[in-house]
């Protein structure tokens, strides 16, 4: 009987404060990845720039974005402390 009353009092957010902090960190990682993808345009629109195929834009940035999404899954799945 007491357990039911405690469960009724526990209505609140589905995730804990730590989960939301971790989600904010994951979101920041994703934003950093997208910032790293930016750039690479040519000054003259008639000239092709090979700079768009740099290691940073093609390999590093997508891996950082992927790591951010994986971190987000971890942040959501982590059990909040009681």
PDB file of N, CA and C in Angstrom:
ATOM      1  N   UNK A   1       0.823  -1.189   0.000  1.00  0.00           N
ATOM      2  CA  UNK A   1       0.000   0.000   0.000  1.00  0.00           C
ATOM      3  C   UNK A   1       0.875   1.263   0.000  1.00  0.00           C
ATOM      4  N   UNK A   2       1.935   1.250   0.797  1.00  0.00           N
ATOM      5  CA  UNK A   2       2.833   2.402   0.873  1.00  0.00           C
ATOM      6  C   UNK A   2       3.557   2.598  -0.448  1.00  0.00           C
ATOM      7  N   UNK A   3       3.917   1.499  -1.107  1.00  0.00           N
ATOM      8  CA  UNK A   3       4.627   1.575  -2.385  1.00  0.00           C
ATOM      9  C   UNK A   3       3.775   2.267  -3.447  1.00  0.00           C
ATOM     10  N   UNK A   4       2.491   2.038  -3.444  1.00  0.00           N
ATOM     11  CA  UNK A   4       1.608   2.681  -4.419  1.00  0.00           C
ATOM     12  C   UNK A   4       1.556   4.192  -4.201  1.00  0.00           C
ATOM     13  N   UNK A   5       1.527   4.617  -2.951  1.00  0.00           N
ATOM     14  CA  UNK A   5       1.502   6.050  -2.656  1.00  0.00           C
ATOM     15  C   UNK A   5       2.801   6.716  -3.081  1.00  0.00           C
ATOM     16  N   UNK A   6       3.935   6.018  -2.883  1.00  0.00           N
ATOM     17  CA  UNK A   6       5.222   6.565  -3.300  1.00  0.00           C
ATOM     18  C   UNK A   6       5.301   6.673  -4.820  1.00  0.00           C
ATOM     19  N   UNK A   7       4.744   5.702  -5.531  1.00  0.00           N
ATOM     20  CA  UNK A   7       4.741   5.740  -6.993  1.00  0.00           C
ATOM     21  C   UNK A   7       3.882   6.889  -7.502  1.00  0.00           C
ATOM     22  N   UNK A   8       2.775   7.151  -6.834  1.00  0.00           N
ATOM     23  CA  UNK A   8       1.904   8.245  -7.245  1.00  0.00           C
ATOM     24  C   UNK A   8       2.588   9.593  -7.049  1.00  0.00           C
ATOM     25  N   UNK A   9       3.410   9.735  -6.014  1.00  0.00           N
ATOM     26  CA  UNK A   9       4.123  10.974  -5.748  1.00  0.00           C
ATOM     27  C   UNK A   9       5.263  11.193  -6.741  1.00  0.00           C
ATOM     28  N   UNK A  10       5.736  10.128  -7.356  1.00  0.00           N
ATOM     29  CA  UNK A  10       6.906  10.208  -8.228  1.00  0.00           C
ATOM     30  C   UNK A  10       6.569  10.639  -9.650  1.00  0.00           C
ATOM     31  N   UNK A  11       5.452  11.212  -9.898  1.00  0.00           N
ATOM     32  CA  UNK A  11       5.130  11.664 -11.239  1.00  0.00           C
ATOM     33  C   UNK A  11       5.899  12.942 -11.519  1.00  0.00           C
ATOM     34  N   UNK A  12       6.688  12.903 -12.551  1.00  0.00           N
ATOM     35  CA  UNK A  12       7.513  14.051 -12.894  1.00  0.00           C
ATOM     36  C   UNK A  12       8.112  13.822 -14.272  1.00  0.00           C
ATOM     37  N   UNK A  13       9.326  14.299 -14.453  1.00  0.00           N
ATOM     38  CA  UNK A  13       9.993  14.123 -15.729  1.00  0.00           C
ATOM     39  C   UNK A  13      10.414  12.670 -15.911  1.00  0.00           C
ATOM     40  N   UNK A  14      10.445  12.231 -17.148  1.00  0.00           N
ATOM     41  CA  UNK A  14      10.821  10.851 -17.439  1.00  0.00           C
ATOM     42  C   UNK A  14      12.313  10.634 -17.226  1.00  0.00           C
ATOM     43  N   UNK A  15      13.099  11.672 -17.418  1.00  0.00           N
ATOM     44  CA  UNK A  15      14.544  11.576 -17.272  1.00  0.00           C
ATOM     45  C   UNK A  15      15.000  12.456 -16.118  1.00  0.00           C
ATOM     46  N   UNK A  16      16.169  12.141 -15.605  1.00  0.00           N
ATOM     47  CA  UNK A  16      16.713  12.915 -14.495  1.00  0.00           C
ATOM     48  C   UNK A  16      17.518  14.109 -14.982  1.00  0.00           C
ATOM     49  N   UNK A  17      17.969  14.904 -14.026  1.00  0.00           N
ATOM     50  CA  UNK A  17      18.738  16.113 -14.336  1.00  0.00           C
ATOM     51  C   UNK A  17      20.036  15.765 -15.064  1.00  0.00           C
ATOM     52  N   UNK A  18      20.691  14.681 -14.650  1.00  0.00           N
ATOM     53  CA  UNK A  18      21.943  14.248 -15.274  1.00  0.00           C
ATOM     54  C   UNK A  18      21.724  13.871 -16.740  1.00  0.00           C
ATOM     55  N   UNK A  19      20.592  13.231 -17.027  1.00  0.00           N
ATOM     56  CA  UNK A  19      20.286  12.861 -18.402  1.00  0.00           C
ATOM     57  C   UNK A  19      20.178  14.098 -19.301  1.00  0.00           C
ATOM     58  N   UNK A  20      19.537  15.123 -18.795  1.00  0.00           N
ATOM     59  CA  UNK A  20      19.379  16.337 -19.591  1.00  0.00           C
ATOM     60  C   UNK A  20      20.711  17.042 -19.811  1.00  0.00           C
ATOM     61  N   UNK A  21      21.587  16.995 -18.803  1.00  0.00           N
ATOM     62  CA  UNK A  21      22.917  17.577 -18.980  1.00  0.00           C
ATOM     63  C   UNK A  21      23.697  16.814 -20.051  1.00  0.00           C
ATOM     64  N   UNK A  22      23.622  15.487 -20.003  1.00  0.00           N
ATOM     65  CA  UNK A  22      24.312  14.670 -21.001  1.00  0.00           C
ATOM     66  C   UNK A  22      23.735  14.903 -22.407  1.00  0.00           C
ATOM     67  N   UNK A  23      22.427  15.094 -22.481  1.00  0.00           N
ATOM     68  CA  UNK A  23      21.813  15.378 -23.777  1.00  0.00           C
ATOM     69  C   UNK A  23      22.283  16.719 -24.324  1.00  0.00           C
ATOM     70  N   UNK A  24      22.460  17.697 -23.465  1.00  0.00           N
ATOM     71  CA  UNK A  24      22.968  19.001 -23.904  1.00  0.00           C
ATOM     72  C   UNK A  24      24.402  18.875 -24.417  1.00  0.00           C
ATOM     73  N   UNK A  25      25.212  18.067 -23.750  1.00  0.00           N
ATOM     74  CA  UNK A  25      26.584  17.832 -24.208  1.00  0.00           C
ATOM     75  C   UNK A  25      26.573  17.144 -25.569  1.00  0.00           C
ATOM     76  N   UNK A  26      25.715  16.149 -25.731  1.00  0.00           N
ATOM     77  CA  UNK A  26      25.600  15.458 -27.026  1.00  0.00           C
ATOM     78  C   UNK A  26      25.153  16.396 -28.135  1.00  0.00           C
ATOM     79  N   UNK A  27      24.227  17.283 -27.813  1.00  0.00           N
ATOM     80  CA  UNK A  27      23.767  18.254 -28.804  1.00  0.00           C
ATOM     81  C   UNK A  27      24.899  19.187 -29.211  1.00  0.00           C
ATOM     82  N   UNK A  28      25.719  19.590 -28.237  1.00  0.00           N
ATOM     83  CA  UNK A  28      26.867  20.458 -28.539  1.00  0.00           C
ATOM     84  C   UNK A  28      27.875  19.729 -29.431  1.00  0.00           C
ATOM     85  N   UNK A  29      28.084  18.440 -29.197  1.00  0.00           N
ATOM     86  CA  UNK A  29      28.997  17.658 -30.043  1.00  0.00           C
ATOM     87  C   UNK A  29      28.484  17.619 -31.482  1.00  0.00           C
ATOM     88  N   UNK A  30      27.187  17.435 -31.642  1.00  0.00           N
ATOM     89  CA  UNK A  30      26.596  17.404 -32.987  1.00  0.00           C
ATOM     90  C   UNK A  30      26.769  18.758 -33.678  1.00  0.00           C
ATOM     91  N   UNK A  31      26.537  19.836 -32.962  1.00  0.00           N
ATOM     92  CA  UNK A  31      26.693  21.175 -33.531  1.00  0.00           C
ATOM     93  C   UNK A  31      28.141  21.405 -33.966  1.00  0.00           C
ATOM     94  N   UNK A  32      29.108  20.976 -33.147  1.00  0.00           N
ATOM     95  CA  UNK A  32      30.518  21.123 -33.510  1.00  0.00           C
ATOM     96  C   UNK A  32      30.810  20.365 -34.798  1.00  0.00           C
ATOM     97  N   UNK A  33      30.247  19.174 -34.939  1.00  0.00           N
ATOM     98  CA  UNK A  33      30.435  18.399 -36.170  1.00  0.00           C
ATOM     99  C   UNK A  33      29.900  19.122 -37.391  1.00  0.00           C
ATOM    100  N   UNK A  34      28.734  19.723 -37.267  1.00  0.00           N
ATOM    101  CA  UNK A  34      28.176  20.454 -38.412  1.00  0.00           C
ATOM    102  C   UNK A  34      28.968  21.717 -38.718  1.00  0.00           C
ATOM    103  N   UNK A  35      29.504  22.357 -37.705  1.00  0.00           N
ATOM    104  CA  UNK A  35      30.351  23.532 -37.938  1.00  0.00           C
ATOM    105  C   UNK A  35      31.603  23.130 -38.695  1.00  0.00           C
ATOM    106  N   UNK A  36      32.172  21.959 -38.341  1.00  0.00           N
ATOM    107  CA  UNK A  36      33.363  21.490 -39.040  1.00  0.00           C
ATOM    108  C   UNK A  36      33.080  21.161 -40.512  1.00  0.00           C
ATOM    109  N   UNK A  37      31.837  20.827 -40.828  1.00  0.00           N
ATOM    110  CA  UNK A  37      31.481  20.535 -42.222  1.00  0.00           C
ATOM    111  C   UNK A  37      31.359  21.801 -43.067  1.00  0.00           C
ATOM    112  N   UNK A  38      31.177  22.922 -42.450  1.00  0.00           N
ATOM    113  CA  UNK A  38      30.921  24.169 -43.177  1.00  0.00           C
ATOM    114  C   UNK A  38      32.163  24.654 -43.909  1.00  0.00           C
ATOM    115  N   UNK A  39      31.941  25.474 -44.899  1.00  0.00           N
ATOM    116  CA  UNK A  39      33.034  26.115 -45.623  1.00  0.00           C
ATOM    117  C   UNK A  39      33.411  25.387 -46.892  1.00  0.00           C
ATOM    118  N   UNK A  40      34.546  25.768 -47.455  1.00  0.00           N
ATOM    119  CA  UNK A  40      35.051  25.117 -48.655  1.00  0.00           C
ATOM    120  C   UNK A  40      34.572  25.719 -49.951  1.00  0.00           C
ATOM    121  N   UNK A  41      33.971  26.885 -49.884  1.00  0.00           N
ATOM    122  CA  UNK A  41      33.494  27.492 -51.129  1.00  0.00           C
ATOM    123  C   UNK A  41      34.631  28.223 -51.833  1.00  0.00           C
ATOM    124  N   UNK A  42      34.434  28.435 -53.085  1.00  0.00           N
ATOM    125  CA  UNK A  42      35.426  29.135 -53.891  1.00  0.00           C
ATOM    126  C   UNK A  42      35.092  30.627 -53.928  1.00  0.00           C
ATOM    127  N   UNK A  43      36.114  31.455 -54.045  1.00  0.00           N
ATOM    128  CA  UNK A  43      35.872  32.897 -54.150  1.00  0.00           C
ATOM    129  C   UNK A  43      35.204  33.252 -55.470  1.00  0.00           C
ATOM    130  N   UNK A  44      35.564  32.505 -56.502  1.00  0.00           N
ATOM    131  CA  UNK A  44      34.984  32.724 -57.824  1.00  0.00           C
ATOM    132  C   UNK A  44      34.028  31.572 -58.129  1.00  0.00           C
ATOM    133  N   UNK A  45      32.747  31.853 -58.380  1.00  0.00           N
ATOM    134  CA  UNK A  45      31.782  30.768 -58.602  1.00  0.00           C
ATOM    135  C   UNK A  45      32.060  29.958 -59.873  1.00  0.00           C
ATOM    136  N   UNK A  46      32.871  30.460 -60.763  1.00  0.00           N
ATOM    137  CA  UNK A  46      33.169  29.713 -61.997  1.00  0.00           C
ATOM    138  C   UNK A  46      34.344  28.754 -61.821  1.00  0.00           C
ATOM    139  N   UNK A  47      35.006  28.820 -60.667  1.00  0.00           N
ATOM    140  CA  UNK A  47      36.176  27.982 -60.422  1.00  0.00           C
ATOM    141  C   UNK A  47      35.832  26.940 -59.361  1.00  0.00           C
ATOM    142  N   UNK A  48      36.130  25.667 -59.684  1.00  0.00           N
ATOM    143  CA  UNK A  48      35.861  24.579 -58.749  1.00  0.00           C
ATOM    144  C   UNK A  48      36.948  24.543 -57.675  1.00  0.00           C
ATOM    145  N   UNK A  49      36.543  24.355 -56.430  1.00  0.00           N
ATOM    146  CA  UNK A  49      37.489  24.317 -55.321  1.00  0.00           C
ATOM    147  C   UNK A  49      37.588  22.889 -54.796  1.00  0.00           C
ATOM    148  N   UNK A  50      38.785  22.348 -54.768  1.00  0.00           N
ATOM    149  CA  UNK A  50      39.021  21.003 -54.223  1.00  0.00           C
ATOM    150  C   UNK A  50      38.940  20.992 -52.701  1.00  0.00           C
ATOM    151  N   UNK A  51      38.838  22.156 -52.103  1.00  0.00           N
ATOM    152  CA  UNK A  51      38.822  22.277 -50.650  1.00  0.00           C
ATOM    153  C   UNK A  51      37.600  21.604 -50.015  1.00  0.00           C
ATOM    154  N   UNK A  52      36.544  21.394 -50.775  1.00  0.00           N
ATOM    155  CA  UNK A  52      35.349  20.757 -50.213  1.00  0.00           C
ATOM    156  C   UNK A  52      35.584  19.282 -49.917  1.00  0.00           C
ATOM    157  N   UNK A  53      36.640  18.698 -50.464  1.00  0.00           N
ATOM    158  CA  UNK A  53      36.934  17.287 -50.239  1.00  0.00           C
ATOM    159  C   UNK A  53      38.035  17.090 -49.204  1.00  0.00           C
ATOM    160  N   UNK A  54      38.197  18.017 -48.294  1.00  0.00           N
ATOM    161  CA  UNK A  54      39.250  17.901 -47.285  1.00  0.00           C
ATOM    162  C   UNK A  54      38.884  16.817 -46.263  1.00  0.00           C
ATOM    163  N   UNK A  55      39.901  16.323 -45.585  1.00  0.00           N
ATOM    164  CA  UNK A  55      39.710  15.291 -44.554  1.00  0.00           C
ATOM    165  C   UNK A  55      38.729  15.765 -43.486  1.00  0.00           C
ATOM    166  N   UNK A  56      38.819  17.021 -43.107  1.00  0.00           N
ATOM    167  CA  UNK A  56      37.967  17.566 -42.058  1.00  0.00           C
ATOM    168  C   UNK A  56      36.489  17.492 -42.434  1.00  0.00           C
ATOM    169  N   UNK A  57      36.171  17.836 -43.677  1.00  0.00           N
ATOM    170  CA  UNK A  57      34.759  17.890 -44.097  1.00  0.00           C
ATOM    171  C   UNK A  57      34.185  16.532 -44.474  1.00  0.00           C
ATOM    172  N   UNK A  58      35.015  15.646 -45.010  1.00  0.00           N
ATOM    173  CA  UNK A  58      34.506  14.381 -45.531  1.00  0.00           C
ATOM    174  C   UNK A  58      34.588  13.262 -44.497  1.00  0.00           C
ATOM    175  N   UNK A  59      35.566  13.292 -43.616  1.00  0.00           N
ATOM    176  CA  UNK A  59      35.757  12.188 -42.686  1.00  0.00           C
ATOM    177  C   UNK A  59      35.562  12.596 -41.231  1.00  0.00           C
ATOM    178  N   UNK A  60      36.274  13.595 -40.789  1.00  0.00           N
ATOM    179  CA  UNK A  60      36.266  13.963 -39.380  1.00  0.00           C
ATOM    180  C   UNK A  60      34.898  14.466 -38.906  1.00  0.00           C
ATOM    181  N   UNK A  61      34.328  15.404 -39.619  1.00  0.00           N
ATOM    182  CA  UNK A  61      33.057  16.000 -39.194  1.00  0.00           C
ATOM    183  C   UNK A  61      31.919  14.975 -39.134  1.00  0.00           C
ATOM    184  N   UNK A  62      31.744  14.116 -40.148  1.00  0.00           N
ATOM    185  CA  UNK A  62      30.680  13.108 -40.020  1.00  0.00           C
ATOM    186  C   UNK A  62      30.902  12.141 -38.853  1.00  0.00           C
ATOM    187  N   UNK A  63      32.155  11.803 -38.561  1.00  0.00           N
ATOM    188  CA  UNK A  63      32.417  10.932 -37.415  1.00  0.00           C
ATOM    189  C   UNK A  63      32.069  11.624 -36.104  1.00  0.00           C
ATOM    190  N   UNK A  64      32.332  12.903 -36.011  1.00  0.00           N
ATOM    191  CA  UNK A  64      31.980  13.653 -34.800  1.00  0.00           C
ATOM    192  C   UNK A  64      30.463  13.740 -34.648  1.00  0.00           C
ATOM    193  N   UNK A  65      29.757  13.966 -35.747  1.00  0.00           N
ATOM    194  CA  UNK A  65      28.286  14.007 -35.687  1.00  0.00           C
ATOM    195  C   UNK A  65      27.737  12.642 -35.268  1.00  0.00           C
ATOM    196  N   UNK A  66      28.287  11.579 -35.826  1.00  0.00           N
ATOM    197  CA  UNK A  66      27.853  10.228 -35.460  1.00  0.00           C
ATOM    198  C   UNK A  66      28.123   9.956 -33.979  1.00  0.00           C
ATOM    199  N   UNK A  67      29.293  10.369 -33.498  1.00  0.00           N
ATOM    200  CA  UNK A  67      29.607  10.207 -32.083  1.00  0.00           C
ATOM    201  C   UNK A  67      28.623  10.991 -31.215  1.00  0.00           C
ATOM    202  N   UNK A  68      28.214  12.163 -31.677  1.00  0.00           N
ATOM    203  CA  UNK A  68      27.226  12.954 -30.941  1.00  0.00           C
ATOM    204  C   UNK A  68      25.884  12.253 -30.850  1.00  0.00           C
ATOM    205  N   UNK A  69      25.455  11.628 -31.945  1.00  0.00           N
ATOM    206  CA  UNK A  69      24.183  10.901 -31.918  1.00  0.00           C
ATOM    207  C   UNK A  69      24.272   9.668 -31.021  1.00  0.00           C
ATOM    208  N   UNK A  70      25.393   8.979 -31.044  1.00  0.00           N
ATOM    209  CA  UNK A  70      25.573   7.825 -30.161  1.00  0.00           C
ATOM    210  C   UNK A  70      25.570   8.277 -28.705  1.00  0.00           C
ATOM    211  N   UNK A  71      26.215   9.411 -28.435  1.00  0.00           N
ATOM    212  CA  UNK A  71      26.215   9.968 -27.084  1.00  0.00           C
ATOM    213  C   UNK A  71      24.803  10.341 -26.651  1.00  0.00           C
ATOM    214  N   UNK A  72      24.000  10.850 -27.580  1.00  0.00           N
ATOM    215  CA  UNK A  72      22.600  11.188 -27.268  1.00  0.00           C
ATOM    216  C   UNK A  72      21.812   9.932 -26.880  1.00  0.00           C
ATOM    217  N   UNK A  73      22.027   8.841 -27.591  1.00  0.00           N
ATOM    218  CA  UNK A  73      21.337   7.589 -27.252  1.00  0.00           C
ATOM    219  C   UNK A  73      21.735   7.139 -25.854  1.00  0.00           C
ATOM    220  N   UNK A  74      23.031   7.236 -25.552  1.00  0.00           N
ATOM    221  CA  UNK A  74      23.504   6.889 -24.206  1.00  0.00           C
ATOM    222  C   UNK A  74      22.844   7.795 -23.157  1.00  0.00           C
ATOM    223  N   UNK A  75      22.759   9.073 -23.451  1.00  0.00           N
ATOM    224  CA  UNK A  75      22.191  10.022 -22.489  1.00  0.00           C
ATOM    225  C   UNK A  75      20.716   9.718 -22.212  1.00  0.00           C
ATOM    226  N   UNK A  76      20.009   9.267 -23.211  1.00  0.00           N
ATOM    227  CA  UNK A  76      18.590   8.947 -23.032  1.00  0.00           C
ATOM    228  C   UNK A  76      18.418   7.622 -22.300  1.00  0.00           C
ATOM    229  N   UNK A  77      19.258   6.651 -22.620  1.00  0.00           N
ATOM    230  CA  UNK A  77      19.103   5.311 -22.056  1.00  0.00           C
ATOM    231  C   UNK A  77      19.675   5.180 -20.640  1.00  0.00           C
ATOM    232  N   UNK A  78      20.534   6.084 -20.215  1.00  0.00           N
ATOM    233  CA  UNK A  78      21.155   6.009 -18.892  1.00  0.00           C
ATOM    234  C   UNK A  78      20.092   6.156 -17.822  1.00  0.00           C
ATOM    235  N   UNK A  79      20.140   5.249 -16.871  1.00  0.00           N
ATOM    236  CA  UNK A  79      19.152   5.305 -15.781  1.00  0.00           C
ATOM    237  C   UNK A  79      19.463   6.467 -14.843  1.00  0.00           C
ATOM    238  N   UNK A  80      18.472   7.250 -14.512  1.00  0.00           N
ATOM    239  CA  UNK A  80      18.723   8.355 -13.568  1.00  0.00           C
ATOM    240  C   UNK A  80      18.980   7.821 -12.168  1.00  0.00           C
ATOM    241  N   UNK A  81      19.803   8.526 -11.428  1.00  0.00           N
ATOM    242  CA  UNK A  81      20.075   8.120 -10.044  1.00  0.00           C
ATOM    243  C   UNK A  81      18.853   8.372  -9.185  1.00  0.00           C
ATOM    244  N   UNK A  82      18.651   7.523  -8.257  1.00  0.00           N
ATOM    245  CA  UNK A  82      17.463   7.610  -7.386  1.00  0.00           C
ATOM    246  C   UNK A  82      17.708   8.569  -6.254  1.00  0.00           C
TER     247      UNK A  82
END
